[in-house]
């Protein structure tokens, strides 16, 4: 009987599944607390709205509160690029495999898609993104949009599932496109001023003719 009990303990420890979530039944999730400032252009720093810093937080979804103590609260996290079509249905229960399958790498022969400070260290469950920059636009992938993702690197917190974070989907345009848009706006202002001097009725026609072009530049 004693030998049988030892064998049961041994095999249950070897073949038991890995824990999902954190210690004490917590449901650990990473979240971006800041929305991105859009539009984004290649070569430009990724920032929060109105130039704010982008913050991330580790929470226990069971309580909605940040995780401020324990080894998970001081993790080192990795910033990655996701396809914009990841998790379109807003299902918050994706698997690690689903997340990894949507990670986007650079095109062949191109520089790394994302450069800069690609790691974030949590302090009491809260972290801040450093300076990161896109080197390529998003027009070449199927959805034509990217997302930023945040994950625990391989080898950290083995056996504990910490759900990754994602931002909203967004487009990244070439920097030269940004220059052209501002040049277009400057030229438009000159034309508009001239129209006021010559004939104010022409202003309405000019506004209609450029409306579509402006929406294309800043969609």
N, C-alpha and C. Protein backbone atom coordinates (compact mmCIF):
# COMPACT_ATOMS: atom_id res chain seq x y z
N UNK A 1 0.83 -1.21 0.00
CA UNK A 1 0.00 0.00 0.00
C UNK A 1 0.87 1.27 0.00
N UNK A 2 1.94 1.27 0.80
CA UNK A 2 2.83 2.43 0.88
C UNK A 2 3.50 2.68 -0.47
N UNK A 3 3.96 1.59 -1.11
CA UNK A 3 4.61 1.72 -2.42
C UNK A 3 3.62 2.25 -3.45
N UNK A 4 2.40 1.78 -3.38
CA UNK A 4 1.37 2.25 -4.31
C UNK A 4 1.10 3.73 -4.13
N UNK A 5 1.08 4.19 -2.88
CA UNK A 5 0.84 5.61 -2.62
C UNK A 5 1.99 6.46 -3.15
N UNK A 6 3.24 6.00 -2.97
CA UNK A 6 4.38 6.73 -3.51
C UNK A 6 4.32 6.82 -5.03
N UNK A 7 3.94 5.72 -5.66
CA UNK A 7 3.85 5.71 -7.12
C UNK A 7 2.79 6.68 -7.59
N UNK A 8 1.69 6.77 -6.88
CA UNK A 8 0.62 7.69 -7.26
C UNK A 8 1.08 9.14 -7.19
N UNK A 9 1.78 9.49 -6.12
CA UNK A 9 2.30 10.85 -5.96
C UNK A 9 3.29 11.18 -7.05
N UNK A 10 4.18 10.21 -7.37
CA UNK A 10 5.20 10.44 -8.38
C UNK A 10 4.59 10.73 -9.74
N UNK A 11 3.70 9.86 -10.18
CA UNK A 11 3.13 10.01 -11.51
C UNK A 11 2.22 11.23 -11.62
N UNK A 12 1.54 11.57 -10.54
CA UNK A 12 0.69 12.76 -10.59
C UNK A 12 1.52 14.02 -10.69
N UNK A 13 2.70 14.04 -10.08
CA UNK A 13 3.56 15.21 -10.16
C UNK A 13 4.21 15.34 -11.53
N UNK A 14 4.49 14.22 -12.17
CA UNK A 14 5.15 14.24 -13.47
C UNK A 14 4.17 14.60 -14.58
N UNK A 15 2.99 14.03 -14.52
CA UNK A 15 2.06 14.20 -15.64
C UNK A 15 0.95 15.21 -15.38
N UNK A 16 0.96 15.90 -14.25
CA UNK A 16 -0.07 16.90 -14.00
C UNK A 16 0.14 18.08 -14.93
N UNK A 17 -0.95 18.73 -15.42
CA UNK A 17 -0.80 19.85 -16.34
C UNK A 17 -0.22 21.07 -15.65
N UNK A 18 0.37 21.96 -16.46
CA UNK A 18 0.93 23.19 -15.92
C UNK A 18 -0.20 24.09 -15.43
N UNK A 19 0.16 24.93 -14.45
CA UNK A 19 -0.83 25.85 -13.92
C UNK A 19 -1.21 26.89 -14.97
N UNK A 20 -2.48 27.22 -15.00
CA UNK A 20 -2.95 28.32 -15.83
C UNK A 20 -3.31 29.44 -14.89
N UNK A 21 -2.65 30.61 -15.06
CA UNK A 21 -2.86 31.70 -14.13
C UNK A 21 -1.71 31.76 -13.15
N UNK A 22 -1.92 32.51 -12.09
CA UNK A 22 -0.86 32.69 -11.14
C UNK A 22 -1.10 31.93 -9.86
N UNK A 23 -0.24 32.14 -8.88
CA UNK A 23 -0.41 31.47 -7.59
C UNK A 23 -1.75 31.84 -6.96
N UNK A 24 -2.28 30.97 -6.15
CA UNK A 24 -3.53 31.22 -5.42
C UNK A 24 -4.72 31.43 -6.35
N UNK A 25 -4.68 30.83 -7.53
CA UNK A 25 -5.81 30.90 -8.43
C UNK A 25 -6.00 32.24 -9.12
N UNK A 26 -5.00 33.09 -9.11
CA UNK A 26 -5.14 34.39 -9.77
C UNK A 26 -5.16 34.24 -11.29
N UNK A 27 -5.85 35.16 -11.95
CA UNK A 27 -5.94 35.20 -13.41
C UNK A 27 -5.12 36.39 -13.88
N UNK A 28 -3.86 36.14 -14.19
CA UNK A 28 -2.92 37.22 -14.47
C UNK A 28 -2.99 37.66 -15.94
N UNK A 29 -3.10 38.98 -16.13
CA UNK A 29 -3.21 39.54 -17.48
C UNK A 29 -2.41 40.83 -17.58
N UNK A 30 -1.77 41.01 -18.73
CA UNK A 30 -1.08 42.27 -19.03
C UNK A 30 -2.02 43.18 -19.81
N UNK A 31 -1.94 44.47 -19.53
CA UNK A 31 -2.80 45.43 -20.22
C UNK A 31 -2.02 46.69 -20.56
N UNK A 32 -2.29 47.25 -21.75
CA UNK A 32 -1.84 48.61 -22.06
C UNK A 32 -2.83 49.58 -21.43
N UNK A 33 -2.33 50.53 -20.66
CA UNK A 33 -3.20 51.51 -20.00
C UNK A 33 -3.32 52.80 -20.79
N UNK A 34 -2.56 52.92 -21.86
CA UNK A 34 -2.57 54.15 -22.66
C UNK A 34 -2.93 53.82 -24.10
N UNK A 35 -3.69 54.70 -24.73
CA UNK A 35 -3.97 54.57 -26.16
C UNK A 35 -2.87 55.26 -26.95
N UNK A 36 -2.63 54.77 -28.18
CA UNK A 36 -1.55 55.31 -29.00
C UNK A 36 -1.97 56.60 -29.68
N UNK A 37 -0.99 57.44 -29.92
CA UNK A 37 -1.21 58.66 -30.69
C UNK A 37 -1.13 58.31 -32.17
N UNK A 38 -2.21 58.55 -32.89
CA UNK A 38 -2.30 58.20 -34.31
C UNK A 38 -2.48 59.46 -35.15
N UNK A 39 -2.07 59.44 -36.44
CA UNK A 39 -1.47 58.29 -37.16
C UNK A 39 0.00 58.09 -36.80
N UNK A 40 0.51 56.90 -37.15
CA UNK A 40 1.91 56.57 -36.94
C UNK A 40 2.64 56.54 -38.27
N UNK A 41 3.89 57.01 -38.25
CA UNK A 41 4.71 57.03 -39.45
C UNK A 41 6.05 56.35 -39.16
N UNK A 42 6.64 55.77 -40.19
CA UNK A 42 7.94 55.14 -40.03
C UNK A 42 8.97 56.18 -39.59
N UNK A 43 9.85 55.77 -38.69
CA UNK A 43 10.88 56.68 -38.20
C UNK A 43 10.43 57.57 -37.06
N UNK A 44 9.14 57.58 -36.78
CA UNK A 44 8.63 58.42 -35.70
C UNK A 44 8.44 57.62 -34.41
N UNK A 45 8.64 58.27 -33.30
CA UNK A 45 8.52 57.59 -32.01
C UNK A 45 7.06 57.21 -31.74
N UNK A 46 6.86 56.02 -31.22
CA UNK A 46 5.52 55.58 -30.83
C UNK A 46 5.21 56.18 -29.46
N UNK A 47 4.13 56.96 -29.40
CA UNK A 47 3.78 57.65 -28.16
C UNK A 47 2.30 57.43 -27.84
N UNK A 48 1.95 57.79 -26.60
CA UNK A 48 0.56 57.77 -26.21
C UNK A 48 -0.15 59.02 -26.72
N UNK A 49 -1.45 59.08 -26.49
CA UNK A 49 -2.23 60.23 -26.92
C UNK A 49 -1.67 61.51 -26.33
N UNK A 50 -1.60 62.56 -27.17
CA UNK A 50 -1.08 63.86 -26.78
C UNK A 50 0.36 63.78 -26.27
N UNK A 51 1.10 62.80 -26.82
CA UNK A 51 2.51 62.68 -26.47
C UNK A 51 2.79 62.06 -25.12
N UNK A 52 1.77 61.47 -24.52
CA UNK A 52 1.92 60.89 -23.18
C UNK A 52 2.74 59.61 -23.23
N UNK A 53 3.29 59.24 -22.09
CA UNK A 53 4.01 57.98 -21.95
C UNK A 53 3.03 56.82 -21.99
N UNK A 54 3.46 55.70 -22.58
CA UNK A 54 2.61 54.51 -22.67
C UNK A 54 2.90 53.62 -21.47
N UNK A 55 1.87 53.39 -20.65
CA UNK A 55 2.03 52.57 -19.45
C UNK A 55 1.39 51.21 -19.66
N UNK A 56 1.97 50.21 -18.99
CA UNK A 56 1.42 48.85 -19.00
C UNK A 56 1.28 48.40 -17.55
N UNK A 57 0.36 47.47 -17.33
CA UNK A 57 0.11 47.02 -15.96
C UNK A 57 -0.23 45.55 -15.97
N UNK A 58 0.17 44.87 -14.92
CA UNK A 58 -0.19 43.48 -14.70
C UNK A 58 -1.33 43.44 -13.69
N UNK A 59 -2.46 42.84 -14.07
CA UNK A 59 -3.61 42.81 -13.17
C UNK A 59 -4.04 41.37 -12.91
N UNK A 60 -4.77 41.21 -11.84
CA UNK A 60 -5.47 39.97 -11.58
C UNK A 60 -6.90 40.18 -12.05
N UNK A 61 -7.28 39.52 -13.16
CA UNK A 61 -8.58 39.74 -13.76
C UNK A 61 -9.72 39.32 -12.83
N UNK A 62 -9.42 38.49 -11.85
CA UNK A 62 -10.47 38.07 -10.91
C UNK A 62 -10.92 39.22 -10.01
N UNK A 63 -10.00 40.14 -9.74
CA UNK A 63 -10.32 41.28 -8.87
C UNK A 63 -10.28 42.62 -9.60
N UNK A 64 -9.59 42.65 -10.77
CA UNK A 64 -9.43 43.90 -11.49
C UNK A 64 -8.36 44.80 -10.91
N UNK A 65 -7.59 44.30 -9.95
CA UNK A 65 -6.58 45.11 -9.29
C UNK A 65 -5.18 44.77 -9.79
N UNK A 66 -4.27 45.76 -9.79
CA UNK A 66 -2.89 45.49 -10.18
C UNK A 66 -2.22 44.49 -9.24
N UNK A 67 -1.30 43.71 -9.79
CA UNK A 67 -0.50 42.78 -8.99
C UNK A 67 0.78 43.52 -8.60
N UNK A 68 0.91 43.87 -7.35
CA UNK A 68 2.01 44.72 -6.90
C UNK A 68 3.09 43.98 -6.14
N UNK A 69 2.85 42.73 -5.77
CA UNK A 69 3.84 41.97 -5.01
C UNK A 69 4.05 40.61 -5.66
N UNK A 70 5.16 39.98 -5.30
CA UNK A 70 5.49 38.68 -5.86
C UNK A 70 6.42 38.80 -7.06
N UNK A 71 7.00 37.69 -7.49
CA UNK A 71 7.95 37.73 -8.62
C UNK A 71 7.30 38.21 -9.92
N UNK A 72 5.99 37.98 -10.09
CA UNK A 72 5.32 38.41 -11.32
C UNK A 72 5.27 39.93 -11.42
N UNK A 73 5.29 40.63 -10.30
CA UNK A 73 5.16 42.09 -10.29
C UNK A 73 6.43 42.80 -10.73
N UNK A 74 7.52 42.07 -10.93
CA UNK A 74 8.78 42.67 -11.38
C UNK A 74 9.34 41.96 -12.60
N UNK A 75 8.44 41.46 -13.43
CA UNK A 75 8.85 40.73 -14.63
C UNK A 75 9.49 41.63 -15.68
N UNK A 76 10.30 41.02 -16.53
CA UNK A 76 10.82 41.67 -17.73
C UNK A 76 9.96 41.21 -18.90
N UNK A 77 9.39 42.16 -19.65
CA UNK A 77 8.46 41.88 -20.73
C UNK A 77 9.05 42.29 -22.07
N UNK A 78 8.56 41.68 -23.12
CA UNK A 78 9.04 41.94 -24.48
C UNK A 78 7.94 42.57 -25.33
N UNK A 79 8.30 43.62 -26.06
CA UNK A 79 7.38 44.28 -26.98
C UNK A 79 7.51 43.65 -28.36
N UNK A 80 6.39 43.27 -28.97
CA UNK A 80 6.39 42.65 -30.29
C UNK A 80 5.33 43.33 -31.16
N UNK A 81 5.39 43.03 -32.46
CA UNK A 81 4.40 43.53 -33.41
C UNK A 81 3.45 42.40 -33.77
N UNK A 82 2.16 42.69 -33.77
CA UNK A 82 1.13 41.73 -34.16
C UNK A 82 0.43 42.20 -35.42
N UNK A 83 -0.14 41.24 -36.15
CA UNK A 83 -0.99 41.60 -37.27
C UNK A 83 -2.26 42.26 -36.77
N UNK A 84 -2.78 43.22 -37.53
CA UNK A 84 -3.97 43.94 -37.09
C UNK A 84 -5.21 43.10 -37.00
N UNK A 85 -5.21 41.93 -37.68
CA UNK A 85 -6.38 41.06 -37.65
C UNK A 85 -6.38 40.13 -36.45
N UNK A 86 -5.39 40.24 -35.56
CA UNK A 86 -5.39 39.40 -34.37
C UNK A 86 -6.51 39.82 -33.43
N UNK A 87 -7.32 38.86 -33.03
CA UNK A 87 -8.34 39.08 -32.00
C UNK A 87 -9.33 40.17 -32.37
N UNK A 88 -9.76 40.17 -33.64
CA UNK A 88 -10.74 41.16 -34.07
C UNK A 88 -12.06 41.04 -33.33
N UNK A 89 -12.36 39.83 -32.88
CA UNK A 89 -13.65 39.61 -32.21
C UNK A 89 -13.62 40.04 -30.75
N UNK A 90 -12.51 40.64 -30.31
CA UNK A 90 -12.38 41.14 -28.94
C UNK A 90 -12.57 40.04 -27.89
N UNK A 91 -12.22 38.83 -28.24
CA UNK A 91 -12.24 37.73 -27.29
C UNK A 91 -10.99 37.84 -26.42
N UNK A 92 -11.18 37.97 -25.12
CA UNK A 92 -10.06 38.19 -24.22
C UNK A 92 -9.39 36.90 -23.76
N UNK A 93 -9.84 35.76 -24.26
CA UNK A 93 -9.33 34.47 -23.78
C UNK A 93 -8.51 33.74 -24.84
N UNK A 94 -7.67 34.47 -25.57
CA UNK A 94 -6.83 33.80 -26.55
C UNK A 94 -5.75 32.98 -25.86
N UNK A 95 -5.22 32.02 -26.60
CA UNK A 95 -4.15 31.18 -26.07
C UNK A 95 -2.79 31.74 -26.44
N UNK A 96 -1.76 31.24 -25.79
CA UNK A 96 -0.40 31.67 -26.12
C UNK A 96 -0.06 31.32 -27.56
N UNK A 97 -0.52 30.17 -28.02
CA UNK A 97 -0.26 29.74 -29.40
C UNK A 97 -0.91 30.70 -30.40
N UNK A 98 -2.14 31.12 -30.11
CA UNK A 98 -2.82 32.07 -31.00
C UNK A 98 -2.08 33.40 -31.05
N UNK A 99 -1.61 33.86 -29.91
CA UNK A 99 -0.85 35.11 -29.86
C UNK A 99 0.43 34.99 -30.68
N UNK A 100 1.19 33.94 -30.44
CA UNK A 100 2.47 33.77 -31.12
C UNK A 100 2.30 33.64 -32.64
N UNK A 101 1.20 33.04 -33.07
CA UNK A 101 0.98 32.84 -34.51
C UNK A 101 0.71 34.14 -35.24
N UNK A 102 0.42 35.21 -34.53
CA UNK A 102 0.14 36.50 -35.16
C UNK A 102 1.28 37.50 -35.00
N UNK A 103 2.40 37.07 -34.42
CA UNK A 103 3.56 37.95 -34.31
C UNK A 103 4.14 38.20 -35.71
N UNK A 104 4.40 39.44 -36.04
CA UNK A 104 4.88 39.83 -37.37
C UNK A 104 6.36 40.17 -37.30
N UNK A 105 7.12 39.59 -38.20
CA UNK A 105 8.55 39.89 -38.33
C UNK A 105 8.78 40.80 -39.53
N UNK A 106 10.00 41.29 -39.64
CA UNK A 106 10.33 42.17 -40.76
C UNK A 106 10.30 41.43 -42.09
N UNK A 107 10.11 42.19 -43.16
CA UNK A 107 10.18 41.60 -44.50
C UNK A 107 11.61 41.18 -44.81
N UNK A 108 11.73 40.19 -45.69
CA UNK A 108 13.06 39.69 -46.05
C UNK A 108 13.90 40.82 -46.63
N UNK A 109 15.11 40.95 -46.12
CA UNK A 109 16.02 41.98 -46.60
C UNK A 109 15.82 43.34 -45.96
N UNK A 110 14.85 43.44 -45.05
CA UNK A 110 14.57 44.71 -44.38
C UNK A 110 15.18 44.73 -42.98
N UNK A 111 15.26 45.93 -42.42
CA UNK A 111 15.70 46.09 -41.03
C UNK A 111 14.65 45.51 -40.10
N UNK A 112 15.02 45.25 -38.83
CA UNK A 112 14.00 44.81 -37.87
C UNK A 112 12.80 45.74 -37.89
N UNK A 113 11.61 45.17 -37.86
CA UNK A 113 10.38 45.95 -38.01
C UNK A 113 10.22 47.00 -36.91
N UNK A 114 10.64 46.65 -35.71
CA UNK A 114 10.52 47.55 -34.57
C UNK A 114 11.89 47.69 -33.92
N UNK A 115 12.33 48.91 -33.68
CA UNK A 115 13.63 49.14 -33.07
C UNK A 115 13.47 50.02 -31.83
N UNK A 116 14.50 50.00 -31.00
CA UNK A 116 14.47 50.81 -29.78
C UNK A 116 14.46 49.95 -28.54
N UNK A 117 13.79 50.44 -27.51
CA UNK A 117 13.72 49.74 -26.23
C UNK A 117 12.60 48.72 -26.27
N UNK A 118 12.94 47.49 -26.64
CA UNK A 118 11.93 46.47 -26.86
C UNK A 118 11.63 45.63 -25.63
N UNK A 119 12.14 46.05 -24.48
CA UNK A 119 11.84 45.34 -23.23
C UNK A 119 11.35 46.33 -22.18
N UNK A 120 10.41 45.86 -21.38
CA UNK A 120 9.83 46.67 -20.31
C UNK A 120 9.98 45.89 -19.00
N UNK A 121 10.46 46.55 -17.98
CA UNK A 121 10.59 45.93 -16.66
C UNK A 121 9.51 46.47 -15.74
N UNK A 122 8.72 45.56 -15.20
CA UNK A 122 7.66 45.97 -14.28
C UNK A 122 8.24 46.31 -12.91
N UNK A 123 7.66 47.30 -12.30
CA UNK A 123 7.99 47.65 -10.92
C UNK A 123 6.68 47.76 -10.17
N UNK A 124 6.48 46.84 -9.24
CA UNK A 124 5.21 46.75 -8.50
C UNK A 124 4.03 46.62 -9.48
N UNK A 125 4.27 45.85 -10.54
CA UNK A 125 3.21 45.53 -11.48
C UNK A 125 2.96 46.55 -12.56
N UNK A 126 3.74 47.63 -12.60
CA UNK A 126 3.53 48.70 -13.58
C UNK A 126 4.83 48.94 -14.34
N UNK A 127 4.71 49.18 -15.66
CA UNK A 127 5.88 49.45 -16.49
C UNK A 127 5.62 50.56 -17.49
N UNK A 128 6.69 51.03 -18.10
CA UNK A 128 6.60 52.13 -19.07
C UNK A 128 7.37 51.77 -20.32
N UNK A 129 6.74 51.96 -21.49
CA UNK A 129 7.43 51.71 -22.75
C UNK A 129 8.47 52.78 -22.99
N UNK A 130 9.64 52.34 -23.46
CA UNK A 130 10.67 53.28 -23.82
C UNK A 130 10.47 53.80 -25.24
N UNK A 131 11.53 54.27 -25.85
CA UNK A 131 11.44 54.81 -27.21
C UNK A 131 11.48 53.66 -28.22
N UNK A 132 10.41 53.49 -28.96
CA UNK A 132 10.34 52.46 -30.00
C UNK A 132 9.89 53.11 -31.30
N UNK A 133 10.39 52.55 -32.41
CA UNK A 133 10.18 53.15 -33.73
C UNK A 133 9.90 52.05 -34.75
N UNK A 134 8.91 52.27 -35.61
CA UNK A 134 8.66 51.37 -36.73
C UNK A 134 9.57 51.77 -37.89
N UNK A 135 10.15 50.76 -38.55
CA UNK A 135 11.02 51.02 -39.69
C UNK A 135 10.34 50.72 -41.02
N UNK A 136 9.15 50.14 -40.98
CA UNK A 136 8.45 49.77 -42.22
C UNK A 136 6.96 50.04 -42.04
N UNK A 137 6.30 50.29 -43.17
CA UNK A 137 4.87 50.55 -43.11
C UNK A 137 4.08 49.25 -42.98
N UNK A 138 2.77 49.38 -42.83
CA UNK A 138 1.92 48.20 -42.61
C UNK A 138 1.15 47.78 -43.85
N UNK A 139 1.45 48.36 -45.00
CA UNK A 139 0.65 48.10 -46.20
C UNK A 139 0.87 46.71 -46.79
N UNK A 140 1.93 46.02 -46.38
CA UNK A 140 2.31 44.76 -47.03
C UNK A 140 1.72 43.53 -46.35
N UNK A 141 1.07 43.69 -45.20
CA UNK A 141 0.45 42.52 -44.57
C UNK A 141 -1.03 42.49 -44.90
N UNK A 142 -1.66 41.36 -44.68
CA UNK A 142 -3.03 41.14 -45.14
C UNK A 142 -4.02 42.17 -44.60
N UNK A 143 -3.94 42.46 -43.33
CA UNK A 143 -4.89 43.40 -42.73
C UNK A 143 -4.52 44.85 -42.97
N UNK A 144 -3.27 45.08 -43.42
CA UNK A 144 -2.74 46.42 -43.66
C UNK A 144 -2.66 47.24 -42.36
N UNK A 145 -2.70 46.54 -41.24
CA UNK A 145 -2.59 47.20 -39.94
C UNK A 145 -1.75 46.36 -38.99
N UNK A 146 -1.17 47.03 -38.01
CA UNK A 146 -0.41 46.37 -36.95
C UNK A 146 -1.12 46.55 -35.61
N UNK A 147 -0.65 45.79 -34.64
CA UNK A 147 -0.91 46.04 -33.23
C UNK A 147 0.41 45.91 -32.50
N UNK A 148 0.56 46.58 -31.38
CA UNK A 148 1.66 46.29 -30.47
C UNK A 148 1.21 45.22 -29.50
N UNK A 149 2.13 44.30 -29.20
CA UNK A 149 1.84 43.25 -28.24
C UNK A 149 2.90 43.24 -27.15
N UNK A 150 2.54 42.68 -26.02
CA UNK A 150 3.45 42.60 -24.88
C UNK A 150 3.36 41.19 -24.31
N UNK A 151 4.49 40.53 -24.17
CA UNK A 151 4.49 39.14 -23.71
C UNK A 151 5.62 38.90 -22.74
N UNK A 152 5.49 37.82 -21.99
CA UNK A 152 6.57 37.35 -21.11
C UNK A 152 7.53 36.53 -21.96
N UNK A 153 8.82 36.87 -22.01
CA UNK A 153 9.77 36.11 -22.83
C UNK A 153 9.85 34.66 -22.39
N UNK A 154 10.23 33.82 -23.33
CA UNK A 154 10.39 32.40 -23.05
C UNK A 154 11.42 32.19 -21.96
N UNK A 155 11.10 31.31 -21.03
CA UNK A 155 12.02 31.01 -19.95
C UNK A 155 11.68 31.71 -18.64
N UNK A 156 10.75 32.68 -18.71
CA UNK A 156 10.33 33.38 -17.50
C UNK A 156 8.97 32.84 -17.05
N UNK A 157 8.79 32.67 -15.78
CA UNK A 157 7.52 32.22 -15.20
C UNK A 157 7.03 30.93 -15.85
N UNK A 158 7.92 29.98 -16.04
CA UNK A 158 7.51 28.69 -16.60
C UNK A 158 6.41 28.06 -15.75
N UNK A 159 5.39 27.57 -16.40
CA UNK A 159 4.29 26.92 -15.71
C UNK A 159 3.20 27.86 -15.27
N UNK A 160 3.41 29.18 -15.45
CA UNK A 160 2.40 30.17 -15.07
C UNK A 160 1.95 30.90 -16.33
N UNK A 161 0.69 30.87 -16.61
CA UNK A 161 0.13 31.55 -17.78
C UNK A 161 -0.19 33.00 -17.45
N UNK A 162 0.51 33.92 -18.09
CA UNK A 162 0.22 35.35 -17.96
C UNK A 162 -0.24 35.82 -19.34
N UNK A 163 -1.49 36.19 -19.43
CA UNK A 163 -2.04 36.55 -20.73
C UNK A 163 -1.40 37.83 -21.26
N UNK A 164 -1.08 37.80 -22.54
CA UNK A 164 -0.38 38.90 -23.19
C UNK A 164 -1.29 40.14 -23.33
N UNK A 165 -0.67 41.28 -23.64
CA UNK A 165 -1.43 42.52 -23.88
C UNK A 165 -1.38 42.86 -25.36
N UNK A 166 -2.36 43.61 -25.80
CA UNK A 166 -2.40 44.09 -27.20
C UNK A 166 -3.01 45.49 -27.22
N UNK A 167 -2.59 46.27 -28.22
CA UNK A 167 -3.20 47.57 -28.44
C UNK A 167 -4.31 47.45 -29.48
N UNK A 168 -4.94 48.57 -29.76
CA UNK A 168 -5.87 48.61 -30.87
C UNK A 168 -5.09 48.49 -32.19
N UNK A 169 -5.78 48.12 -33.27
CA UNK A 169 -5.13 48.01 -34.57
C UNK A 169 -4.91 49.42 -35.15
N UNK A 170 -3.80 49.58 -35.86
CA UNK A 170 -3.46 50.90 -36.42
C UNK A 170 -2.63 50.72 -37.70
N UNK A 171 -2.65 51.74 -38.53
CA UNK A 171 -1.83 51.75 -39.74
C UNK A 171 -0.52 52.49 -39.48
N UNK A 172 0.53 52.05 -40.15
CA UNK A 172 1.81 52.75 -40.13
C UNK A 172 2.11 53.18 -41.56
N UNK A 173 2.29 54.46 -41.76
CA UNK A 173 2.53 55.00 -43.10
C UNK A 173 4.00 55.39 -43.25
N UNK A 174 4.46 55.45 -44.48
CA UNK A 174 5.82 55.87 -44.74
C UNK A 174 6.01 57.32 -44.35
N UNK A 175 7.20 57.65 -43.85
CA UNK A 175 7.49 59.02 -43.42
C UNK A 175 7.36 60.00 -44.57
N UNK A 176 7.72 59.58 -45.78
CA UNK A 176 7.59 60.48 -46.93
C UNK A 176 6.13 60.83 -47.17
N UNK A 177 5.24 59.92 -46.82
CA UNK A 177 3.82 60.22 -46.95
C UNK A 177 3.39 61.30 -45.98
N UNK A 178 3.99 61.30 -44.78
CA UNK A 178 3.71 62.35 -43.80
C UNK A 178 4.14 63.71 -44.35
N UNK A 179 5.32 63.74 -44.96
CA UNK A 179 5.82 65.00 -45.53
C UNK A 179 4.90 65.51 -46.63
N UNK A 180 4.45 64.60 -47.49
CA UNK A 180 3.57 64.99 -48.59
C UNK A 180 2.25 65.54 -48.08
N UNK A 181 1.73 64.93 -47.00
CA UNK A 181 0.46 65.39 -46.45
C UNK A 181 0.57 66.82 -45.92
N UNK A 182 1.66 67.12 -45.22
CA UNK A 182 1.82 68.46 -44.68
C UNK A 182 2.10 69.47 -45.79
N UNK A 183 2.82 69.06 -46.83
CA UNK A 183 3.03 69.93 -47.97
C UNK A 183 1.72 70.22 -48.67
N UNK A 184 0.87 69.19 -48.76
CA UNK A 184 -0.44 69.37 -49.37
C UNK A 184 -1.27 70.37 -48.56
N UNK A 185 -1.24 70.26 -47.23
CA UNK A 185 -2.00 71.17 -46.38
C UNK A 185 -1.51 72.61 -46.53
N UNK A 186 -0.19 72.77 -46.60
CA UNK A 186 0.36 74.11 -46.76
C UNK A 186 -0.09 74.73 -48.09
N UNK A 187 -0.02 73.94 -49.17
CA UNK A 187 -0.46 74.43 -50.48
C UNK A 187 -1.94 74.75 -50.47
N UNK A 188 -2.71 73.91 -49.78
CA UNK A 188 -4.15 74.13 -49.72
C UNK A 188 -4.48 75.45 -49.03
N UNK A 189 -3.74 75.76 -47.95
CA UNK A 189 -3.97 77.01 -47.24
C UNK A 189 -3.70 78.22 -48.14
N UNK A 190 -2.66 78.12 -48.97
CA UNK A 190 -2.37 79.21 -49.90
C UNK A 190 -3.48 79.38 -50.92
N UNK A 191 -3.97 78.25 -51.44
CA UNK A 191 -5.06 78.31 -52.42
C UNK A 191 -6.32 78.88 -51.78
N UNK A 192 -6.61 78.49 -50.55
CA UNK A 192 -7.80 78.95 -49.86
C UNK A 192 -7.75 80.45 -49.62
N UNK A 193 -6.57 80.94 -49.24
CA UNK A 193 -6.42 82.38 -49.02
C UNK A 193 -6.64 83.15 -50.31
N UNK A 194 -6.12 82.61 -51.41
CA UNK A 194 -6.30 83.25 -52.70
C UNK A 194 -7.78 83.28 -53.11
N UNK A 195 -8.47 82.19 -52.81
CA UNK A 195 -9.90 82.12 -53.14
C UNK A 195 -10.70 83.17 -52.39
N UNK A 196 -10.35 83.41 -51.14
CA UNK A 196 -11.04 84.42 -50.36
C UNK A 196 -10.85 85.81 -50.98
N UNK A 197 -9.65 86.03 -51.48
CA UNK A 197 -9.37 87.33 -52.08
C UNK A 197 -10.10 87.51 -53.41
N UNK A 198 -10.20 86.42 -54.18
CA UNK A 198 -10.79 86.53 -55.51
C UNK A 198 -12.31 86.36 -55.49
N UNK A 199 -12.76 85.31 -54.90
CA UNK A 199 -14.19 85.02 -54.95
C UNK A 199 -14.51 84.02 -53.83
N UNK A 200 -15.25 84.44 -52.85
CA UNK A 200 -15.54 83.58 -51.72
C UNK A 200 -16.38 82.38 -52.10
N UNK A 201 -17.13 82.46 -53.19
CA UNK A 201 -17.94 81.33 -53.62
C UNK A 201 -17.09 80.14 -54.08
N UNK A 202 -15.86 80.44 -54.45
CA UNK A 202 -14.98 79.38 -54.92
C UNK A 202 -14.52 78.49 -53.76
N UNK A 203 -14.57 79.04 -52.53
CA UNK A 203 -14.06 78.32 -51.37
C UNK A 203 -14.79 76.98 -51.19
N UNK A 204 -16.11 76.98 -51.34
CA UNK A 204 -16.87 75.75 -51.18
C UNK A 204 -16.45 74.69 -52.17
N UNK A 205 -16.20 75.09 -53.41
CA UNK A 205 -15.76 74.14 -54.43
C UNK A 205 -14.39 73.56 -54.09
N UNK A 206 -13.49 74.40 -53.60
CA UNK A 206 -12.16 73.93 -53.26
C UNK A 206 -12.22 72.95 -52.09
N UNK A 207 -13.04 73.26 -51.09
CA UNK A 207 -13.15 72.36 -49.94
C UNK A 207 -13.65 70.99 -50.35
N UNK A 208 -14.62 70.94 -51.25
CA UNK A 208 -15.14 69.65 -51.69
C UNK A 208 -14.09 68.86 -52.47
N UNK A 209 -13.29 69.56 -53.26
CA UNK A 209 -12.33 68.87 -54.12
C UNK A 209 -11.18 68.25 -53.34
N UNK A 210 -10.86 68.81 -52.16
CA UNK A 210 -9.73 68.28 -51.40
C UNK A 210 -10.16 67.40 -50.24
N UNK A 211 -11.45 67.29 -50.00
CA UNK A 211 -11.91 66.51 -48.85
C UNK A 211 -11.44 65.06 -48.92
N UNK A 212 -11.57 64.46 -50.10
CA UNK A 212 -11.18 63.06 -50.25
C UNK A 212 -9.68 62.88 -50.09
N UNK A 213 -8.90 63.83 -50.61
CA UNK A 213 -7.44 63.73 -50.49
C UNK A 213 -6.99 63.83 -49.04
N UNK A 214 -7.63 64.72 -48.28
CA UNK A 214 -7.27 64.85 -46.87
C UNK A 214 -7.61 63.60 -46.09
N UNK A 215 -8.77 63.00 -46.37
CA UNK A 215 -9.14 61.78 -45.65
C UNK A 215 -8.20 60.64 -45.97
N UNK A 216 -7.65 60.63 -47.18
CA UNK A 216 -6.68 59.59 -47.55
C UNK A 216 -5.38 59.77 -46.79
N UNK A 217 -4.95 61.02 -46.64
CA UNK A 217 -3.68 61.28 -45.94
C UNK A 217 -3.75 60.91 -44.47
N UNK A 218 -4.89 61.19 -43.83
CA UNK A 218 -4.97 61.05 -42.39
C UNK A 218 -6.00 60.05 -41.94
N UNK A 219 -6.26 59.01 -42.76
CA UNK A 219 -7.21 57.97 -42.37
C UNK A 219 -6.67 57.16 -41.21
